[in-house]
Amino acid sequence: MPTPGGRITPTRDTCISEHAAELLQTLVHQRYKLRRSIVITSNRVVQDWGRYLGDATMATTILDRLMHRCAMLEFEGKSYRLKEAAARLVMPSD
């Protein structure tokens, strides 16, 4: 579902809507064609994008453009947000 600022934030473990996937494809294509930057963050592995977008061909098209001239950063390890949330749960509240 689109949010303020144009972010697409689907619910956990679901495919995004066909309309949202098409918007993402259009945005990526336009930015690619104009050679403009785009920042994508995802907790999904690349292999899952076809299932997540609901269309393997569309996912391939998007990923092809994103990865052609990219600097890809991949972080492994435990989430700092989860670590901090767990610490707040065990801290006594005053």
Protein backbone atom coordinates (compact mmCIF):
# COMPACT_ATOMS: atom_id res chain seq x y z
CA MET A 1 0.00 0.00 0.00
CA PRO A 2 1.46 3.42 -0.90
CA THR A 3 2.31 5.67 2.03
CA PRO A 4 3.22 9.36 2.27
CA GLY A 5 6.42 9.98 0.36
CA GLY A 6 5.61 7.27 -2.19
CA ARG A 7 6.95 4.37 -0.16
CA ILE A 8 5.37 0.99 -0.80
CA THR A 9 4.91 -0.86 2.46
CA PRO A 10 3.18 -4.19 2.04
CA THR A 11 2.18 -6.32 4.96
CA ARG A 12 4.49 -9.11 6.07
CA ASP A 13 4.68 -12.23 3.87
CA THR A 14 2.30 -10.97 1.21
CA CYS A 15 2.66 -9.94 -2.38
CA ILE A 16 2.28 -6.30 -3.17
CA SER A 17 -0.66 -5.32 -5.33
CA GLU A 18 -0.36 -5.48 -9.09
CA HIS A 19 -0.76 -1.70 -9.25
CA ALA A 20 2.04 -1.15 -6.70
CA ALA A 21 4.34 -3.53 -8.60
CA GLU A 22 3.65 -1.65 -11.84
CA LEU A 23 4.39 1.67 -10.11
CA LEU A 24 7.68 0.29 -8.83
CA GLN A 25 8.59 -0.97 -12.30
CA THR A 26 7.74 2.42 -13.84
CA LEU A 27 9.75 4.31 -11.23
CA VAL A 28 12.80 2.08 -11.61
CA HIS A 29 12.59 2.25 -15.43
CA GLN A 30 12.34 6.05 -15.45
CA ARG A 31 15.23 6.48 -13.02
CA TYR A 32 17.33 3.99 -15.00
CA LYS A 33 16.61 5.66 -18.33
CA LEU A 34 17.58 9.07 -16.95
CA ARG A 35 20.63 7.59 -15.16
CA ARG A 36 19.40 8.89 -11.82
CA SER A 37 20.03 7.41 -8.42
CA ILE A 38 17.59 5.28 -6.52
CA VAL A 39 17.96 3.70 -3.10
CA ILE A 40 16.17 0.44 -2.35
CA THR A 41 16.14 -1.24 1.02
CA SER A 42 14.63 -4.66 1.48
CA ASN A 43 14.67 -7.52 3.90
CA ARG A 44 13.79 -9.85 1.00
CA VAL A 45 16.45 -11.83 -0.80
CA VAL A 46 16.66 -11.19 -4.53
CA GLN A 47 15.45 -14.71 -5.33
CA ASP A 48 12.10 -13.95 -3.61
CA TRP A 49 11.26 -10.80 -5.56
CA GLY A 50 9.34 -12.68 -8.29
CA ARG A 51 7.03 -14.24 -5.72
CA TYR A 52 6.81 -11.00 -3.75
CA LEU A 53 5.90 -8.90 -6.79
CA GLY A 54 3.61 -11.61 -8.10
CA ASP A 55 5.32 -11.61 -11.51
CA ALA A 56 8.72 -13.17 -12.15
CA THR A 57 9.20 -11.34 -15.46
CA MET A 58 8.52 -7.96 -13.86
CA ALA A 59 10.87 -8.78 -11.00
CA THR A 60 13.61 -9.72 -13.46
CA THR A 61 13.12 -6.46 -15.37
CA ILE A 62 13.28 -4.38 -12.17
CA LEU A 63 16.29 -6.23 -10.78
CA ASP A 64 18.12 -6.04 -14.10
CA ARG A 65 17.86 -2.26 -14.10
CA LEU A 66 18.66 -1.92 -10.41
CA MET A 67 21.73 -4.14 -10.54
CA HIS A 68 23.21 -2.99 -13.85
CA ARG A 69 25.05 -0.02 -12.38
CA CYS A 70 24.70 -0.51 -8.66
CA ALA A 71 26.60 -0.55 -5.45
CA MET A 72 24.97 -3.29 -3.44
CA LEU A 73 25.40 -3.44 0.31
CA GLU A 74 24.39 -6.58 2.12
CA PHE A 75 24.32 -6.72 5.88
CA GLU A 76 24.31 -9.93 7.83
CA GLY A 77 23.81 -10.51 11.50
CA LYS A 78 21.28 -9.70 14.12
CA SER A 79 18.97 -6.73 13.80
CA TYR A 80 19.82 -3.79 16.06
CA ARG A 81 16.12 -2.89 16.25
CA LEU A 82 15.23 -6.36 17.53
CA LYS A 83 18.13 -6.25 19.99
CA GLU A 84 17.00 -2.85 21.34
CA ALA A 85 13.36 -3.96 21.52
CA ALA A 86 14.35 -7.06 23.50
CA ALA A 87 16.41 -4.91 25.88
CA ARG A 88 13.41 -2.62 26.47
CA LEU A 89 11.26 -5.62 27.33
CA VAL A 90 13.60 -6.82 30.07
CA MET A 91 14.23 -3.35 31.53
CA PRO A 92 12.01 -2.53 34.51
CA SER A 93 9.76 0.44 33.84
CA ASP A 94 9.95 3.30 36.34
